Amino acid sequence: MIKAILLDIEGTIGDIAFVRDVLFPFARARVEAVLPARWTDAEIAATVASARVASGLALADAQAAAGQFITWIDDDKKITPLKTLQGIIWREGYQTGELKAHLYPDAVEAMRTWHGRGLKLCIYSSGSIEAQKLYMAHSGAGDLALLISGYFDTTTGPKAEPASYSRIAAALALPPNEIVFFSDAAAETKAARAAGFEAYDVDRKLPSAHAANGVIASFASVIDAF
């Protein structure tokens, strides 16, 4: 019996175009201003320290650090210090109202329905946990953070490795077969299944009614399955 729903964000519950065309450019455009302005702030200092470890570079000043973060952004690297810095910058954008996260209506309906049925809803995304919380709290559908019981990011492990899902199951204190994972990335659902999870591939290019062989185009087709 399924007791927890684990959800990817980009391409699954939210449009990947929002992340690619809005969030990433928003952060990139502000890196060179934020780092020197807040260079001595504790959260920036900790993030830069993590970037030094990840890059193997000294990153002795804000200009050097900004250059490294921008290189990672342009190379679409899934690196924890980059995700942390992006989350810091996005926080300001959400707080000012410049950013409103996109969520698919069928995903919103499913999350509200499953939460109402007592299922535990969790997020597992390559974005930092802070970024995930901001995304859910400042969506175009309103504040959905109250529906979410847990957040997992790359600090848990790579999303394409079964061990990461085993860690999530342990953190939730649930057997793997009581958790279902949804993602638009086949490598991730494959890893989740290898760890014992039930999993669905989400392919929004298919007709909305499609639901076969573990592939769905909309959450509407599985909303009553759990």
C-alpha atoms as a PDB file:
ATOM      1  CA  MET A   1       0.000   0.000   0.000  1.00  0.00           C
ATOM      2  CA  ILE A   2       1.437   3.367  -1.028  1.00  0.00           C
ATOM      3  CA  LYS A   3       1.947   5.758   1.889  1.00  0.00           C
ATOM      4  CA  ALA A   4       4.210   8.406   0.354  1.00  0.00           C
ATOM      5  CA  ILE A   5       4.422  10.230  -2.969  1.00  0.00           C
ATOM      6  CA  LEU A   6       7.864  11.459  -4.064  1.00  0.00           C
ATOM      7  CA  LEU A   7       7.824  14.123  -6.792  1.00  0.00           C
ATOM      8  CA  ASP A   8      10.391  15.595  -9.127  1.00  0.00           C
ATOM      9  CA  ILE A   9       9.738  19.234 -10.070  1.00  0.00           C
ATOM     10  CA  GLU A  10      11.160  20.171 -13.477  1.00  0.00           C
ATOM     11  CA  GLY A  11       9.101  18.639 -16.264  1.00  0.00           C
ATOM     12  CA  THR A  12       7.024  16.651 -13.792  1.00  0.00           C
ATOM     13  CA  ILE A  13       4.892  18.926 -11.633  1.00  0.00           C
ATOM     14  CA  GLY A  14       6.213  22.166 -13.136  1.00  0.00           C
ATOM     15  CA  ASP A  15       7.117  23.286 -16.635  1.00  0.00           C
ATOM     16  CA  ILE A  16      10.840  22.885 -17.260  1.00  0.00           C
ATOM     17  CA  ALA A  17      10.661  26.022 -19.407  1.00  0.00           C
ATOM     18  CA  PHE A  18       9.994  28.089 -16.271  1.00  0.00           C
ATOM     19  CA  VAL A  19      13.219  26.821 -14.733  1.00  0.00           C
ATOM     20  CA  ARG A  20      15.228  27.130 -17.965  1.00  0.00           C
ATOM     21  CA  ASP A  21      13.831  30.395 -19.276  1.00  0.00           C
ATOM     22  CA  VAL A  22      12.966  32.261 -16.068  1.00  0.00           C
ATOM     23  CA  LEU A  23      14.753  30.951 -12.972  1.00  0.00           C
ATOM     24  CA  PHE A  24      18.198  30.209 -14.431  1.00  0.00           C
ATOM     25  CA  PRO A  25      18.505  33.557 -16.289  1.00  0.00           C
ATOM     26  CA  PHE A  26      17.192  35.405 -13.215  1.00  0.00           C
ATOM     27  CA  ALA A  27      19.986  33.952 -11.065  1.00  0.00           C
ATOM     28  CA  ARG A  28      22.697  34.300 -13.707  1.00  0.00           C
ATOM     29  CA  ALA A  29      21.950  37.972 -14.214  1.00  0.00           C
ATOM     30  CA  ARG A  30      22.392  38.667 -10.496  1.00  0.00           C
ATOM     31  CA  VAL A  31      25.428  36.546  -9.524  1.00  0.00           C
ATOM     32  CA  GLU A  32      27.972  39.277 -10.244  1.00  0.00           C
ATOM     33  CA  ALA A  33      26.042  41.758  -8.097  1.00  0.00           C
ATOM     34  CA  VAL A  34      25.047  39.501  -5.209  1.00  0.00           C
ATOM     35  CA  LEU A  35      28.478  38.018  -4.455  1.00  0.00           C
ATOM     36  CA  PRO A  36      30.406  41.273  -3.913  1.00  0.00           C
ATOM     37  CA  ALA A  37      27.469  42.902  -2.136  1.00  0.00           C
ATOM     38  CA  ARG A  38      27.131  40.032   0.328  1.00  0.00           C
ATOM     39  CA  TRP A  39      30.653  38.578   0.257  1.00  0.00           C
ATOM     40  CA  THR A  40      31.008  38.559   4.067  1.00  0.00           C
ATOM     41  CA  ASP A  41      27.482  37.260   4.818  1.00  0.00           C
ATOM     42  CA  ALA A  42      27.578  33.884   6.543  1.00  0.00           C
ATOM     43  CA  GLU A  43      25.408  32.045   4.009  1.00  0.00           C
ATOM     44  CA  ILE A  44      27.372  33.417   1.045  1.00  0.00           C
ATOM     45  CA  ALA A  45      30.696  32.642   2.730  1.00  0.00           C
ATOM     46  CA  ALA A  46      29.591  29.065   3.393  1.00  0.00           C
ATOM     47  CA  THR A  47      28.383  28.656  -0.185  1.00  0.00           C
ATOM     48  CA  VAL A  48      31.666  29.956  -1.612  1.00  0.00           C
ATOM     49  CA  ALA A  49      33.611  27.661   0.709  1.00  0.00           C
ATOM     50  CA  SER A  50      31.638  24.737  -0.678  1.00  0.00           C
ATOM     51  CA  ALA A  51      32.336  25.982  -4.213  1.00  0.00           C
ATOM     52  CA  ARG A  52      36.071  25.998  -3.478  1.00  0.00           C
ATOM     53  CA  VAL A  53      35.901  22.339  -2.533  1.00  0.00           C
ATOM     54  CA  ALA A  54      33.789  21.426  -5.566  1.00  0.00           C
ATOM     55  CA  SER A  55      35.959  23.327  -8.060  1.00  0.00           C
ATOM     56  CA  GLY A  56      39.401  22.819  -6.524  1.00  0.00           C
ATOM     57  CA  LEU A  57      40.026  26.537  -7.050  1.00  0.00           C
ATOM     58  CA  ALA A  58      40.935  29.266  -4.552  1.00  0.00           C
ATOM     59  CA  LEU A  59      38.076  31.609  -5.533  1.00  0.00           C
ATOM     60  CA  ALA A  60      39.823  34.258  -3.485  1.00  0.00           C
ATOM     61  CA  ASP A  61      37.519  37.128  -4.350  1.00  0.00           C
ATOM     62  CA  ALA A  62      33.954  37.787  -5.448  1.00  0.00           C
ATOM     63  CA  GLN A  63      34.913  38.210  -9.106  1.00  0.00           C
ATOM     64  CA  ALA A  64      36.628  34.824  -9.259  1.00  0.00           C
ATOM     65  CA  ALA A  65      33.765  33.133  -7.430  1.00  0.00           C
ATOM     66  CA  ALA A  66      31.177  34.746  -9.702  1.00  0.00           C
ATOM     67  CA  GLY A  67      33.077  33.514 -12.751  1.00  0.00           C
ATOM     68  CA  GLN A  68      33.001  29.949 -11.458  1.00  0.00           C
ATOM     69  CA  PHE A  69      29.293  30.039 -10.624  1.00  0.00           C
ATOM     70  CA  ILE A  70      28.464  31.491 -14.048  1.00  0.00           C
ATOM     71  CA  THR A  71      30.527  28.769 -15.744  1.00  0.00           C
ATOM     72  CA  TRP A  72      28.557  26.146 -13.830  1.00  0.00           C
ATOM     73  CA  ILE A  73      25.273  27.794 -14.809  1.00  0.00           C
ATOM     74  CA  ASP A  74      26.257  27.920 -18.478  1.00  0.00           C
ATOM     75  CA  ASP A  75      27.351  24.256 -18.351  1.00  0.00           C
ATOM     76  CA  ASP A  76      24.103  23.289 -16.547  1.00  0.00           C
ATOM     77  CA  LYS A  77      26.028  21.605 -13.747  1.00  0.00           C
ATOM     78  CA  LYS A  78      24.083  19.913 -10.936  1.00  0.00           C
ATOM     79  CA  ILE A  79      26.490  21.066  -8.228  1.00  0.00           C
ATOM     80  CA  THR A  80      25.307  21.676  -4.687  1.00  0.00           C
ATOM     81  CA  PRO A  81      27.003  25.078  -4.066  1.00  0.00           C
ATOM     82  CA  LEU A  82      25.557  26.397  -7.332  1.00  0.00           C
ATOM     83  CA  LYS A  83      22.088  25.197  -6.376  1.00  0.00           C
ATOM     84  CA  THR A  84      22.514  26.852  -2.991  1.00  0.00           C
ATOM     85  CA  LEU A  85      23.498  30.201  -4.500  1.00  0.00           C
ATOM     86  CA  GLN A  86      20.661  30.054  -7.005  1.00  0.00           C
ATOM     87  CA  GLY A  87      18.268  29.395  -4.121  1.00  0.00           C
ATOM     88  CA  ILE A  88      19.553  32.451  -2.264  1.00  0.00           C
ATOM     89  CA  ILE A  89      19.030  34.663  -5.304  1.00  0.00           C
ATOM     90  CA  TRP A  90      15.622  33.172  -6.115  1.00  0.00           C
ATOM     91  CA  ARG A  91      14.501  33.778  -2.520  1.00  0.00           C
ATOM     92  CA  GLU A  92      14.803  37.503  -3.094  1.00  0.00           C
ATOM     93  CA  GLY A  93      12.893  37.247  -6.365  1.00  0.00           C
ATOM     94  CA  TYR A  94      10.042  35.315  -4.786  1.00  0.00           C
ATOM     95  CA  GLN A  95       9.882  37.675  -1.821  1.00  0.00           C
ATOM     96  CA  THR A  96       9.607  40.728  -4.076  1.00  0.00           C
ATOM     97  CA  GLY A  97       6.986  39.049  -6.237  1.00  0.00           C
ATOM     98  CA  GLU A  98       9.194  39.099  -9.346  1.00  0.00           C
ATOM     99  CA  LEU A  99       8.989  35.302  -9.470  1.00  0.00           C
ATOM    100  CA  LYS A 100       5.929  33.033  -9.423  1.00  0.00           C
ATOM    101  CA  ALA A 101       6.646  29.325  -9.816  1.00  0.00           C
ATOM    102  CA  HIS A 102       4.814  27.301 -12.447  1.00  0.00           C
ATOM    103  CA  LEU A 103       2.847  24.182 -11.489  1.00  0.00           C
ATOM    104  CA  TYR A 104       0.697  22.111 -13.842  1.00  0.00           C
ATOM    105  CA  PRO A 105      -2.990  22.204 -12.823  1.00  0.00           C
ATOM    106  CA  ASP A 106      -3.251  18.391 -12.892  1.00  0.00           C
ATOM    107  CA  ALA A 107      -0.281  18.153 -10.521  1.00  0.00           C
ATOM    108  CA  VAL A 108      -1.833  20.689  -8.155  1.00  0.00           C
ATOM    109  CA  GLU A 109      -5.121  18.779  -8.111  1.00  0.00           C
ATOM    110  CA  ALA A 110      -3.341  15.472  -7.489  1.00  0.00           C
ATOM    111  CA  MET A 111      -1.228  16.877  -4.662  1.00  0.00           C
ATOM    112  CA  ARG A 112      -4.223  18.397  -2.933  1.00  0.00           C
ATOM    113  CA  THR A 113      -6.225  15.194  -3.345  1.00  0.00           C
ATOM    114  CA  TRP A 114      -3.454  12.909  -2.095  1.00  0.00           C
ATOM    115  CA  HIS A 115      -2.695  15.182   0.859  1.00  0.00           C
ATOM    116  CA  GLY A 116      -6.394  15.113   1.735  1.00  0.00           C
ATOM    117  CA  ARG A 117      -6.280  11.318   1.733  1.00  0.00           C
ATOM    118  CA  GLY A 118      -3.456  11.318   4.256  1.00  0.00           C
ATOM    119  CA  LEU A 119      -0.599  10.454   1.920  1.00  0.00           C
ATOM    120  CA  LYS A 120       2.794  11.966   2.673  1.00  0.00           C
ATOM    121  CA  LEU A 121       4.011  14.226  -0.159  1.00  0.00           C
ATOM    122  CA  CYS A 122       7.732  14.850  -0.662  1.00  0.00           C
ATOM    123  CA  ILE A 123       9.925  16.558  -3.247  1.00  0.00           C
ATOM    124  CA  TYR A 124      13.192  15.218  -4.703  1.00  0.00           C
ATOM    125  CA  SER A 125      14.807  17.710  -7.060  1.00  0.00           C
ATOM    126  CA  SER A 126      18.292  18.693  -8.160  1.00  0.00           C
ATOM    127  CA  GLY A 127      17.467  22.210  -6.951  1.00  0.00           C
ATOM    128  CA  SER A 128      18.430  22.969  -3.355  1.00  0.00           C
ATOM    129  CA  ILE A 129      15.963  22.267  -0.575  1.00  0.00           C
ATOM    130  CA  GLU A 130      15.561  26.014  -0.024  1.00  0.00           C
ATOM    131  CA  ALA A 131      14.815  26.495  -3.729  1.00  0.00           C
ATOM    132  CA  GLN A 132      12.231  23.700  -3.572  1.00  0.00           C
ATOM    133  CA  LYS A 133      10.511  25.272  -0.571  1.00  0.00           C
ATOM    134  CA  LEU A 134      10.403  28.654  -2.289  1.00  0.00           C
ATOM    135  CA  TYR A 135       9.021  27.076  -5.467  1.00  0.00           C
ATOM    136  CA  MET A 136       6.181  25.390  -3.619  1.00  0.00           C
ATOM    137  CA  ALA A 137       5.398  28.391  -1.399  1.00  0.00           C
ATOM    138  CA  HIS A 138       5.334  30.948  -4.220  1.00  0.00           C
ATOM    139  CA  SER A 139       3.551  29.157  -7.046  1.00  0.00           C
ATOM    140  CA  GLY A 140       0.980  30.517  -9.420  1.00  0.00           C
ATOM    141  CA  ALA A 141      -1.475  28.179  -7.679  1.00  0.00           C
ATOM    142  CA  GLY A 142      -0.748  29.711  -4.286  1.00  0.00           C
ATOM    143  CA  ASP A 143       1.226  28.449  -1.297  1.00  0.00           C
ATOM    144  CA  LEU A 144       1.424  24.657  -1.623  1.00  0.00           C
ATOM    145  CA  ALA A 145       4.298  24.250   0.832  1.00  0.00           C
ATOM    146  CA  LEU A 146       1.782  23.242   3.510  1.00  0.00           C
ATOM    147  CA  LEU A 147       1.110  20.066   1.520  1.00  0.00           C
ATOM    148  CA  ILE A 148       4.755  18.949   1.546  1.00  0.00           C
ATOM    149  CA  SER A 149       6.145  16.771   4.331  1.00  0.00           C
ATOM    150  CA  GLY A 150       9.754  16.490   3.180  1.00  0.00           C
ATOM    151  CA  TYR A 151      12.331  17.783   0.731  1.00  0.00           C
ATOM    152  CA  PHE A 152      15.365  16.021  -0.739  1.00  0.00           C
ATOM    153  CA  ASP A 153      18.097  17.396  -3.007  1.00  0.00           C
ATOM    154  CA  THR A 154      21.564  16.442  -4.261  1.00  0.00           C
ATOM    155  CA  THR A 155      22.878  16.291  -0.686  1.00  0.00           C
ATOM    156  CA  THR A 156      20.940  13.002  -0.463  1.00  0.00           C
ATOM    157  CA  GLY A 157      22.772  11.722  -3.545  1.00  0.00           C
ATOM    158  CA  PRO A 158      22.539  11.735  -7.355  1.00  0.00           C
ATOM    159  CA  LYS A 159      19.015  11.184  -8.652  1.00  0.00           C
ATOM    160  CA  ALA A 160      20.121   8.444 -11.044  1.00  0.00           C
ATOM    161  CA  GLU A 161      21.577   6.231  -8.286  1.00  0.00           C
ATOM    162  CA  PRO A 162      19.435   3.634  -6.449  1.00  0.00           C
ATOM    163  CA  ALA A 163      21.260   4.333  -3.174  1.00  0.00           C
ATOM    164  CA  SER A 164      19.768   7.833  -3.095  1.00  0.00           C
ATOM    165  CA  TYR A 165      16.253   6.394  -3.043  1.00  0.00           C
ATOM    166  CA  SER A 166      17.215   3.917  -0.342  1.00  0.00           C
ATOM    167  CA  ARG A 167      18.345   6.874   1.775  1.00  0.00           C
ATOM    168  CA  ILE A 168      15.033   8.626   1.164  1.00  0.00           C
ATOM    169  CA  ALA A 169      13.073   5.541   2.205  1.00  0.00           C
ATOM    170  CA  ALA A 170      15.147   5.354   5.385  1.00  0.00           C
ATOM    171  CA  ALA A 171      14.582   9.061   6.087  1.00  0.00           C
ATOM    172  CA  LEU A 172      10.835   8.562   5.673  1.00  0.00           C
ATOM    173  CA  ALA A 173      10.921   5.402   7.815  1.00  0.00           C
ATOM    174  CA  LEU A 174       8.986   3.539   5.126  1.00  0.00           C
ATOM    175  CA  PRO A 175       9.655   0.364   3.140  1.00  0.00           C
ATOM    176  CA  PRO A 176      10.603   1.288  -0.454  1.00  0.00           C
ATOM    177  CA  ASN A 177       7.539  -0.480  -1.851  1.00  0.00           C
ATOM    178  CA  GLU A 178       5.278   1.946   0.038  1.00  0.00           C
ATOM    179  CA  ILE A 179       6.668   4.938  -1.887  1.00  0.00           C
ATOM    180  CA  VAL A 180       5.877   5.966  -5.463  1.00  0.00           C
ATOM    181  CA  PHE A 181       8.146   8.309  -7.410  1.00  0.00           C
ATOM    182  CA  PHE A 182       7.231  10.491 -10.399  1.00  0.00           C
ATOM    183  CA  SER A 183       9.804  11.989 -12.761  1.00  0.00           C
ATOM    184  CA  ASP A 184      10.247  13.010 -16.376  1.00  0.00           C
ATOM    185  CA  ALA A 185      13.770  11.492 -16.375  1.00  0.00           C
ATOM    186  CA  ALA A 186      13.897   7.778 -17.198  1.00  0.00           C
ATOM    187  CA  ALA A 187      17.285   7.334 -15.488  1.00  0.00           C
ATOM    188  CA  GLU A 188      15.729   8.534 -12.247  1.00  0.00           C
ATOM    189  CA  THR A 189      12.647   6.302 -12.349  1.00  0.00           C
ATOM    190  CA  LYS A 190      14.902   3.370 -13.263  1.00  0.00           C
ATOM    191  CA  ALA A 191      17.042   4.054 -10.185  1.00  0.00           C
ATOM    192  CA  ALA A 192      13.955   4.379  -7.986  1.00  0.00           C
ATOM    193  CA  ARG A 193      12.581   1.037  -9.223  1.00  0.00           C
ATOM    194  CA  ALA A 194      15.971  -0.586  -8.586  1.00  0.00           C
ATOM    195  CA  ALA A 195      15.681   0.602  -4.971  1.00  0.00           C
ATOM    196  CA  GLY A 196      12.237  -1.015  -4.680  1.00  0.00           C
ATOM    197  CA  PHE A 197      10.045   2.031  -5.281  1.00  0.00           C
ATOM    198  CA  GLU A 198       7.019   2.081  -7.514  1.00  0.00           C
ATOM    199  CA  ALA A 199       7.694   4.701 -10.202  1.00  0.00           C
ATOM    200  CA  TYR A 200       6.041   6.476 -13.106  1.00  0.00           C
ATOM    201  CA  ASP A 201       7.667   8.239 -16.025  1.00  0.00           C
ATOM    202  CA  VAL A 202       5.955  11.555 -16.808  1.00  0.00           C
ATOM    203  CA  ASP A 203       5.995  12.470 -20.493  1.00  0.00           C
ATOM    204  CA  ARG A 204       3.954  15.602 -21.102  1.00  0.00           C
ATOM    205  CA  LYS A 205       4.518  15.443 -24.859  1.00  0.00           C
ATOM    206  CA  LEU A 206       2.088  12.518 -25.031  1.00  0.00           C
ATOM    207  CA  PRO A 207      -1.709  12.943 -25.266  1.00  0.00           C
ATOM    208  CA  SER A 208      -3.070  13.891 -21.843  1.00  0.00           C
ATOM    209  CA  ALA A 209      -5.072  10.667 -21.518  1.00  0.00           C
ATOM    210  CA  HIS A 210      -2.011   8.444 -22.035  1.00  0.00           C
ATOM    211  CA  ALA A 211      -1.281   6.008 -19.200  1.00  0.00           C
ATOM    212  CA  ALA A 212       0.435   2.746 -20.112  1.00  0.00           C
ATOM    213  CA  ASN A 213       3.536   0.749 -19.182  1.00  0.00           C
ATOM    214  CA  GLY A 214       4.369   3.026 -16.278  1.00  0.00           C
ATOM    215  CA  VAL A 215       4.277   6.161 -18.435  1.00  0.00           C
ATOM    216  CA  ILE A 216       1.757   8.949 -17.878  1.00  0.00           C
ATOM    217  CA  ALA A 217       1.186  12.317 -19.511  1.00  0.00           C
ATOM    218  CA  SER A 218      -0.925  13.770 -16.702  1.00  0.00           C
ATOM    219  CA  PHE A 219      -1.468  13.098 -13.029  1.00  0.00           C
ATOM    220  CA  ALA A 220      -5.186  12.956 -13.766  1.00  0.00           C
ATOM    221  CA  SER A 221      -4.706   9.394 -15.018  1.00  0.00           C
ATOM    222  CA  VAL A 222      -3.361   8.148 -11.656  1.00  0.00           C
ATOM    223  CA  ILE A 223      -5.032  10.474  -9.157  1.00  0.00           C
ATOM    224  CA  ASP A 224      -7.321   7.697  -7.934  1.00  0.00           C
ATOM    225  CA  ALA A 225      -4.638   5.010  -7.930  1.00  0.00           C
ATOM    226  CA  PHE A 226      -3.417   5.917  -4.441  1.00  0.00           C
END
